[in-house]
Amino acid sequence: MLRLVLLMLMVFSSAASAHKPSDSYLALDVQASHIEGQWDIAIRDLEYAMGLDEDYDGAISWGELQARHKDIAAYAFARFKLYSEGETCPIRIKQHLVDNHSDGAYAVIRFLADCEHAPHRLVINYNLFFDIDPQHRGLARINYKNEGAVVTQSVIFSPENARQTLILRDTGSFRQFLDYAKMGIWHISIGFDHILFLLALLLPSVLRRQGGEWQAVTHLRTALWDVLKVVTAFTLAHSVTLSLTVFQVISLPSRWVESAIAISIVLAAINNIYPLFQGRRWVVAFVFGLIHGMGFASIFLDLGLVEDSLWWALTAFNVGVEIGQMAIVMVFIPFAYWLCQSFFYRRLVLGMGSFIIAIVGLVWFLERSLDIKLFVYGA
């Protein structure tokens, strides 16, 4: 029991130290031996790594960024290499820009790479920020022509997968489906706010409130039925708003969405301690799931996928998210059911766990709504 408590506290502590995951977005357009690229890197990450704020006013001006263009390019491309058929493809910087993504301003570097041979096997070596932030991920989209048709592959770079080899041929729809499904699994695995919200909903799934007190369920199938309703409602809701947001039917400022996600975590956790919503937790999951779906959409908006591939990518991404969610459920529910008869679970796991989740959510809400940092996040 003590080990379980310590494990939960470690998970919550990790979540509290992670605000917005660090990502960069890489787009490569392969045309025979010529590659055109664009690399979007979060300015906040560059500031953390290089110190761009020369006047220490807490904001990076265009002048400060422009003065460090050469330094930024040197820093980034010392950690990024392209290889075709075993030979290095020399990279030339074409243009520096700034763009706004769903989570803030990004430095944009457009570049060209000329390979000696048209690549059939393109090797990408990516090590940006891994030395200072192991949670950083590079999201890459590679376009190339195969038999006259444009083929798109997507890959994710991490410390464990910093060097990847792409076979530039038609990988088939199934392979592309797997790529986007893996992206969905990855997104839920690093989405600490989504995980905490799901845990807040799962904590009381093995209990029933009777006479103002939590009582253990008598049969596992009762708990599983409750979990099925909650997870299904959450899935349906976030799938709807994910699709509507990606296709730009609805559009809300990222700051509003992220703040609302944080509040949903707080309310779901408090509901376990003091009942704000009487019964029907699946309704709560559905309503708040609509908000979380808009948060999921950020990865598609930032990758800039073409409309022809969006439905396919969305379907695969949703499948990946559900696989990630079910993995959490399958790990959590057996342990919760095993412990639900104990006072330890009702008071410590449910009570203290919900309290910690609520505090973490409140910290995130204050940071996101007021655009401040209460804690310094980093590796």
Protein backbone atom coordinates (compact mmCIF):
# COMPACT_ATOMS: atom_id res chain seq x y z
CA MET A 1 0.00 0.00 0.00
CA LEU A 2 2.82 2.39 0.91
CA ARG A 3 4.47 1.71 -2.43
CA LEU A 4 1.22 2.48 -4.26
CA VAL A 5 0.87 5.79 -2.39
CA LEU A 6 4.46 6.74 -3.22
CA LEU A 7 3.89 5.82 -6.86
CA MET A 8 0.79 8.00 -7.06
CA LEU A 9 2.61 10.91 -5.47
CA MET A 10 5.44 10.53 -7.97
CA VAL A 11 2.96 10.57 -10.85
CA PHE A 12 1.21 13.66 -9.52
CA SER A 13 4.54 15.39 -8.88
CA SER A 14 5.63 14.69 -12.45
CA ALA A 15 2.36 16.09 -13.72
CA ALA A 16 2.72 19.21 -11.60
CA SER A 17 6.15 19.89 -13.05
CA ALA A 18 4.93 19.68 -16.64
CA HIS A 19 3.00 22.61 -18.08
CA LYS A 20 2.97 22.51 -21.88
CA PRO A 21 5.05 19.77 -23.48
CA SER A 22 7.95 21.08 -25.54
CA ASP A 23 7.46 20.39 -29.26
CA SER A 24 8.96 21.56 -32.52
CA TYR A 25 7.40 21.10 -35.96
CA LEU A 26 9.43 20.05 -38.98
CA ALA A 27 8.11 19.92 -42.55
CA LEU A 28 10.20 18.43 -45.37
CA ASP A 29 9.22 18.49 -49.04
CA VAL A 30 11.43 16.07 -50.97
CA GLN A 31 11.76 16.81 -54.69
CA ALA A 32 14.27 14.43 -56.27
CA SER A 33 17.66 15.35 -54.76
CA HIS A 34 16.36 18.72 -53.55
CA ILE A 35 14.67 19.12 -50.13
CA GLU A 36 12.79 22.19 -48.98
CA GLY A 37 12.24 22.41 -45.25
CA GLN A 38 10.57 24.50 -42.58
CA TRP A 39 11.32 24.16 -38.89
CA ASP A 40 9.10 25.82 -36.27
CA ILE A 41 10.76 26.02 -32.84
CA ALA A 42 9.05 27.48 -29.77
CA ILE A 43 10.65 30.78 -28.78
CA ARG A 44 10.15 29.92 -25.12
CA ASP A 45 12.30 26.81 -25.62
CA LEU A 46 15.01 28.79 -27.39
CA GLU A 47 14.97 31.32 -24.57
CA TYR A 48 15.44 28.54 -22.04
CA ALA A 49 18.31 27.03 -24.04
CA MET A 50 20.06 30.18 -25.28
CA GLY A 51 18.85 33.21 -23.31
CA LEU A 52 17.35 35.48 -25.98
CA ASP A 53 15.86 38.08 -23.59
CA GLU A 54 18.77 40.51 -23.57
CA ASP A 55 16.97 43.32 -21.68
CA TYR A 56 15.41 40.88 -19.15
CA ASP A 57 11.93 42.35 -19.53
CA GLY A 58 10.29 38.92 -19.73
CA ALA A 59 9.41 39.23 -23.43
CA ILE A 60 11.30 38.38 -26.61
CA SER A 61 11.07 41.24 -29.11
CA TRP A 62 11.55 40.89 -32.87
CA GLY A 63 14.78 42.87 -32.54
CA GLU A 64 16.15 40.47 -29.92
CA LEU A 65 15.19 37.50 -32.06
CA GLN A 66 16.58 39.03 -35.24
CA ALA A 67 19.91 39.79 -33.58
CA ARG A 68 20.31 36.09 -32.75
CA HIS A 69 19.18 34.56 -36.06
CA LYS A 70 22.63 33.18 -36.86
CA ASP A 71 23.06 31.83 -33.34
CA ILE A 72 19.63 30.17 -33.43
CA ALA A 73 20.34 28.54 -36.78
CA ALA A 74 23.78 27.36 -35.62
CA TYR A 75 22.30 25.94 -32.41
CA ALA A 76 19.43 24.16 -34.18
CA PHE A 77 21.30 22.72 -37.15
CA ALA A 78 24.15 21.46 -35.03
CA ARG A 79 21.47 19.11 -33.70
CA PHE A 80 19.77 18.23 -36.98
CA LYS A 81 21.25 16.36 -39.95
CA LEU A 82 19.91 14.83 -43.17
CA TYR A 83 21.51 11.89 -44.96
CA SER A 84 20.71 10.42 -48.38
CA GLU A 85 22.16 7.04 -49.30
CA GLY A 86 24.76 7.46 -46.56
CA GLU A 87 25.90 10.93 -47.68
CA THR A 88 25.25 14.15 -45.77
CA CYS A 89 22.85 16.60 -47.42
CA PRO A 90 24.30 20.12 -46.90
CA ILE A 91 21.75 22.56 -45.47
CA ARG A 92 21.43 26.24 -46.41
CA ILE A 93 19.30 28.73 -44.47
CA LYS A 94 16.76 30.47 -46.67
CA GLN A 95 14.64 32.65 -44.37
CA HIS A 96 13.84 33.48 -40.73
CA LEU A 97 10.23 34.23 -39.73
CA VAL A 98 7.95 34.18 -36.71
CA ASP A 99 4.62 32.37 -36.52
CA ASN A 100 1.98 31.87 -33.84
CA HIS A 101 1.01 28.31 -32.99
CA SER A 102 -1.75 27.19 -30.65
CA ASP A 103 0.57 27.55 -27.64
CA GLY A 104 2.54 30.70 -28.46
CA ALA A 105 5.13 32.24 -30.75
CA TYR A 106 7.56 30.10 -32.74
CA ALA A 107 10.75 30.97 -34.58
CA VAL A 108 10.43 29.70 -38.15
CA ILE A 109 13.49 28.67 -40.13
CA ARG A 110 13.07 27.88 -43.81
CA PHE A 111 15.95 25.99 -45.35
CA LEU A 112 17.14 24.06 -48.39
CA ALA A 113 19.10 20.81 -48.53
CA ASP A 114 20.76 19.46 -51.66
CA CYS A 115 21.61 15.76 -51.66
CA GLU A 116 24.08 14.18 -54.04
CA HIS A 117 21.51 11.54 -55.00
CA ALA A 118 17.72 11.51 -54.94
CA PRO A 119 17.02 9.80 -51.61
CA HIS A 120 15.28 6.44 -51.51
CA ARG A 121 16.33 6.08 -47.89
CA LEU A 122 16.29 9.41 -46.07
CA VAL A 123 17.96 9.37 -42.66
CA ILE A 124 17.06 12.13 -40.22
CA ASN A 125 19.14 12.75 -37.10
CA TYR A 126 17.31 14.99 -34.60
CA ASN A 127 18.70 15.96 -31.19
CA LEU A 128 17.20 19.37 -30.47
CA PHE A 129 16.79 20.12 -26.72
CA PHE A 130 17.12 16.47 -25.70
CA ASP A 131 20.14 17.32 -23.54
CA ILE A 132 18.17 19.84 -21.48
CA ASP A 133 14.60 18.53 -21.78
CA PRO A 134 14.06 14.77 -22.22
CA GLN A 135 10.32 15.45 -22.61
CA HIS A 136 10.87 17.42 -25.82
CA ARG A 137 9.52 15.90 -29.02
CA GLY A 138 10.09 16.73 -32.67
CA LEU A 139 7.02 16.24 -34.86
CA ALA A 140 7.94 15.83 -38.52
CA ARG A 141 5.87 15.70 -41.70
CA ILE A 142 7.64 14.49 -44.85
CA ASN A 143 6.06 14.88 -48.29
CA TYR A 144 7.45 13.18 -51.41
CA LYS A 145 6.21 11.95 -54.77
CA ASN A 146 5.77 8.30 -55.60
CA GLU A 147 4.51 7.38 -59.06
CA GLY A 148 3.12 10.88 -59.51
CA ALA A 149 1.16 10.91 -56.24
CA VAL A 150 2.16 12.90 -53.17
CA VAL A 151 2.80 10.66 -50.15
CA THR A 152 3.00 11.94 -46.59
CA GLN A 153 4.76 10.31 -43.68
CA SER A 154 4.77 11.55 -40.08
CA VAL A 155 7.37 10.68 -37.47
CA ILE A 156 8.04 11.66 -33.86
CA PHE A 157 11.57 12.21 -32.59
CA SER A 158 12.40 11.53 -28.96
CA PRO A 159 15.62 10.79 -27.06
CA GLU A 160 14.99 7.09 -27.69
CA ASN A 161 14.23 7.67 -31.40
CA ALA A 162 16.55 10.49 -32.36
CA ARG A 163 17.70 8.85 -35.60
CA GLN A 164 15.08 7.54 -38.00
CA THR A 165 15.25 6.13 -41.51
CA LEU A 166 12.42 6.77 -43.97
CA ILE A 167 11.91 4.62 -47.04
CA LEU A 168 10.60 7.10 -49.61
CA ARG A 169 8.04 5.03 -51.39
CA ASP A 170 4.30 4.55 -51.11
CA THR A 171 3.97 3.11 -47.61
CA GLY A 172 0.32 2.28 -48.09
CA SER A 173 -2.72 3.48 -46.20
CA PHE A 174 -2.26 0.97 -43.38
CA ARG A 175 1.24 2.22 -42.61
CA GLN A 176 0.08 5.83 -42.57
CA PHE A 177 -2.80 4.82 -40.31
CA LEU A 178 -0.31 3.27 -37.88
CA ASP A 179 1.85 6.42 -37.93
CA TYR A 180 -1.05 8.65 -36.88
CA ALA A 181 -2.30 6.10 -34.35
CA LYS A 182 1.14 6.13 -32.73
CA MET A 183 0.92 9.91 -32.66
CA GLY A 184 -2.40 9.62 -30.78
CA ILE A 185 -0.88 7.22 -28.24
CA TRP A 186 2.07 9.56 -27.78
CA HIS A 187 -0.18 12.60 -27.39
CA ILE A 188 -2.23 11.04 -24.58
CA SER A 189 0.92 9.70 -22.89
CA ILE A 190 2.46 13.19 -22.56
CA GLY A 191 -0.85 15.01 -22.06
CA PHE A 192 -0.61 15.21 -18.28
CA ASP A 193 -3.74 17.37 -18.04
CA HIS A 194 -5.82 14.81 -19.98
CA ILE A 195 -4.39 11.97 -17.87
CA LEU A 196 -5.19 13.75 -14.60
CA PHE A 197 -8.74 14.47 -15.75
CA LEU A 198 -9.20 10.80 -16.67
CA LEU A 199 -7.78 9.69 -13.30
CA ALA A 200 -10.14 12.06 -11.47
CA LEU A 201 -13.04 10.33 -13.23
CA LEU A 202 -11.68 6.83 -12.60
CA LEU A 203 -10.86 7.18 -8.89
CA PRO A 204 -14.48 6.71 -7.67
CA SER A 205 -15.37 4.09 -10.30
CA VAL A 206 -14.92 1.23 -7.81
CA LEU A 207 -17.03 3.00 -5.17
CA ARG A 208 -20.63 4.05 -4.66
CA ARG A 209 -21.80 7.00 -2.57
CA GLN A 210 -24.41 5.89 -0.03
CA GLY A 211 -25.66 8.03 2.84
CA GLY A 212 -22.99 10.64 2.14
CA GLU A 213 -20.19 8.04 2.37
CA TRP A 214 -18.22 6.15 -0.25
CA GLN A 215 -18.78 2.39 -0.19
CA ALA A 216 -16.94 -0.26 -2.23
CA VAL A 217 -18.81 -1.87 -5.13
CA THR A 218 -19.63 -5.53 -4.61
CA HIS A 219 -18.91 -6.73 -8.14
CA LEU A 220 -16.17 -5.85 -10.62
CA ARG A 221 -18.69 -5.72 -13.47
CA THR A 222 -20.41 -2.79 -11.72
CA ALA A 223 -17.17 -0.84 -11.78
CA LEU A 224 -16.44 -1.83 -15.38
CA TRP A 225 -19.91 -0.70 -16.50
CA ASP A 226 -19.33 2.67 -14.85
CA VAL A 227 -15.91 2.99 -16.48
CA LEU A 228 -17.35 2.05 -19.89
CA LYS A 229 -19.95 4.82 -19.68
CA VAL A 230 -17.43 7.42 -18.53
CA VAL A 231 -14.75 6.58 -21.10
CA THR A 232 -17.28 6.25 -23.95
CA ALA A 233 -18.84 9.63 -23.12
CA PHE A 234 -15.41 11.27 -22.93
CA THR A 235 -14.37 9.66 -26.22
CA LEU A 236 -17.48 10.71 -28.13
CA ALA A 237 -17.26 14.27 -26.84
CA HIS A 238 -13.61 14.90 -27.59
CA SER A 239 -13.92 13.22 -31.00
CA VAL A 240 -16.68 15.68 -31.96
CA THR A 241 -14.84 18.85 -30.97
CA LEU A 242 -11.50 17.55 -32.23
CA SER A 243 -13.01 17.16 -35.70
CA LEU A 244 -14.90 20.46 -35.61
CA THR A 245 -11.80 22.35 -34.49
CA VAL A 246 -9.45 20.75 -37.02
CA PHE A 247 -11.85 21.58 -39.86
CA GLN A 248 -12.20 25.09 -38.40
CA VAL A 249 -15.95 24.86 -37.86
CA ILE A 250 -15.27 26.13 -34.34
CA SER A 251 -12.27 28.10 -33.17
CA LEU A 252 -11.51 29.34 -29.68
CA PRO A 253 -8.32 30.98 -28.40
CA SER A 254 -5.84 28.41 -27.12
CA ARG A 255 -5.55 30.27 -23.80
CA TRP A 256 -9.30 29.88 -23.18
CA VAL A 257 -9.25 26.19 -24.08
CA GLU A 258 -6.21 25.35 -21.96
CA SER A 259 -7.65 27.30 -19.00
CA ALA A 260 -10.99 25.50 -19.34
CA ILE A 261 -9.20 22.13 -19.42
CA ALA A 262 -7.46 23.03 -16.16
CA ILE A 263 -10.79 24.01 -14.55
CA SER A 264 -12.35 20.72 -15.70
CA ILE A 265 -9.60 18.88 -13.79
CA VAL A 266 -10.27 20.91 -10.64
CA LEU A 267 -14.05 20.35 -10.77
CA ALA A 268 -13.78 16.63 -11.54
CA ALA A 269 -11.40 16.17 -8.60
CA ILE A 270 -13.47 18.26 -6.16
CA ASN A 271 -16.55 16.26 -7.15
CA ASN A 272 -14.87 13.21 -5.61
CA ILE A 273 -14.49 15.02 -2.27
CA TYR A 274 -17.63 17.13 -2.24
CA PRO A 275 -20.37 16.11 -4.70
CA LEU A 276 -20.89 19.03 -7.09
CA PHE A 277 -22.64 16.86 -9.67
CA GLN A 278 -25.12 14.32 -8.33
CA GLY A 279 -24.58 10.99 -10.09
CA ARG A 280 -24.22 10.46 -13.83
CA ARG A 281 -20.51 11.08 -13.99
CA TRP A 282 -20.65 10.11 -17.65
CA VAL A 283 -22.51 13.39 -18.28
CA VAL A 284 -19.64 15.26 -16.61
CA ALA A 285 -17.17 13.31 -18.76
CA PHE A 286 -19.09 14.21 -21.91
CA VAL A 287 -19.41 17.94 -21.15
CA PHE A 288 -15.77 18.37 -20.18
CA GLY A 289 -14.70 16.03 -22.99
CA LEU A 290 -15.95 18.64 -25.45
CA ILE A 291 -13.36 21.03 -24.06
CA HIS A 292 -10.55 18.46 -24.09
CA GLY A 293 -11.23 17.71 -27.77
CA MET A 294 -10.29 21.27 -28.68
CA GLY A 295 -7.05 20.75 -26.78
CA PHE A 296 -6.31 17.56 -28.73
CA ALA A 297 -6.76 19.52 -31.98
CA SER A 298 -3.64 21.62 -31.42
CA ILE A 299 -1.32 18.95 -32.81
CA PHE A 300 -3.17 18.85 -36.15
CA LEU A 301 -3.36 22.61 -36.45
CA ASP A 302 0.37 22.90 -35.77
CA LEU A 303 1.35 20.11 -38.18
CA GLY A 304 -0.54 21.79 -41.00
CA LEU A 305 -1.88 18.62 -42.65
CA VAL A 306 -3.55 18.95 -46.03
CA GLU A 307 -7.34 18.58 -46.04
CA ASP A 308 -7.32 15.45 -48.22
CA SER A 309 -5.55 13.47 -45.48
CA LEU A 310 -7.29 15.00 -42.47
CA TRP A 311 -10.15 12.51 -42.10
CA TRP A 312 -7.80 9.56 -42.35
CA ALA A 313 -5.34 11.13 -39.92
CA LEU A 314 -8.11 12.10 -37.48
CA THR A 315 -9.54 8.59 -37.42
CA ALA A 316 -6.13 7.04 -36.80
CA PHE A 317 -5.25 9.66 -34.19
CA ASN A 318 -8.51 8.99 -32.31
CA VAL A 319 -7.80 5.27 -32.34
CA GLY A 320 -4.38 5.97 -30.84
CA VAL A 321 -5.86 8.20 -28.15
CA GLU A 322 -8.34 5.48 -27.21
CA ILE A 323 -5.58 2.88 -27.03
CA GLY A 324 -3.70 5.19 -24.69
CA GLN A 325 -6.78 5.78 -22.56
CA MET A 326 -7.62 2.10 -22.33
CA ALA A 327 -4.04 1.33 -21.30
CA ILE A 328 -4.50 3.71 -18.36
CA VAL A 329 -7.85 2.12 -17.50
CA MET A 330 -6.51 -1.44 -17.69
CA VAL A 331 -3.61 -0.60 -15.37
CA PHE A 332 -5.63 1.42 -12.87
CA ILE A 333 -8.94 -0.46 -12.44
CA PRO A 334 -7.58 -3.86 -11.25
CA PHE A 335 -5.49 -2.18 -8.54
CA ALA A 336 -8.36 0.10 -7.56
CA TYR A 337 -10.80 -2.81 -7.28
CA TRP A 338 -8.28 -4.81 -5.23
CA LEU A 339 -7.97 -1.93 -2.75
CA CYS A 340 -11.49 -0.50 -2.81
CA GLN A 341 -12.64 -2.41 0.29
CA SER A 342 -9.98 -0.71 2.41
CA PHE A 343 -10.20 2.51 4.37
CA PHE A 344 -6.83 3.29 2.79
CA TYR A 345 -8.37 3.59 -0.69
CA ARG A 346 -11.42 5.62 0.31
CA ARG A 347 -9.51 8.12 2.42
CA LEU A 348 -5.98 8.22 1.10
CA VAL A 349 -6.15 7.19 -2.55
CA LEU A 350 -9.52 8.79 -3.35
CA GLY A 351 -9.43 11.68 -0.89
CA MET A 352 -5.78 12.67 -0.99
CA GLY A 353 -5.41 11.75 -4.66
CA SER A 354 -8.36 13.96 -5.62
CA PHE A 355 -7.02 16.78 -3.45
CA ILE A 356 -3.61 16.67 -5.17
CA ILE A 357 -5.22 16.55 -8.62
CA ALA A 358 -7.36 19.59 -7.74
CA ILE A 359 -4.30 21.54 -6.57
CA VAL A 360 -2.37 20.72 -9.73
CA GLY A 361 -5.36 21.74 -11.87
CA LEU A 362 -5.71 25.00 -9.94
CA VAL A 363 -2.04 25.83 -10.48
CA TRP A 364 -2.44 25.16 -14.20
CA PHE A 365 -5.58 27.32 -14.34
CA LEU A 366 -3.85 30.29 -12.72
CA GLU A 367 -0.83 29.96 -15.01
CA ARG A 368 -2.85 29.57 -18.18
CA SER A 369 -5.58 32.13 -17.51
CA LEU A 370 -3.24 34.83 -16.14
CA ASP A 371 -0.32 33.92 -18.43
CA ILE A 372 2.10 33.63 -15.53
CA LYS A 373 4.52 31.00 -14.25
CA LEU A 374 4.10 29.95 -10.64
CA PHE A 375 6.84 27.34 -11.02
CA VAL A 376 9.89 27.09 -13.26
CA TYR A 377 9.49 24.08 -15.54
CA GLY A 378 12.45 22.35 -17.03
CA ALA A 379 14.61 19.26 -17.02
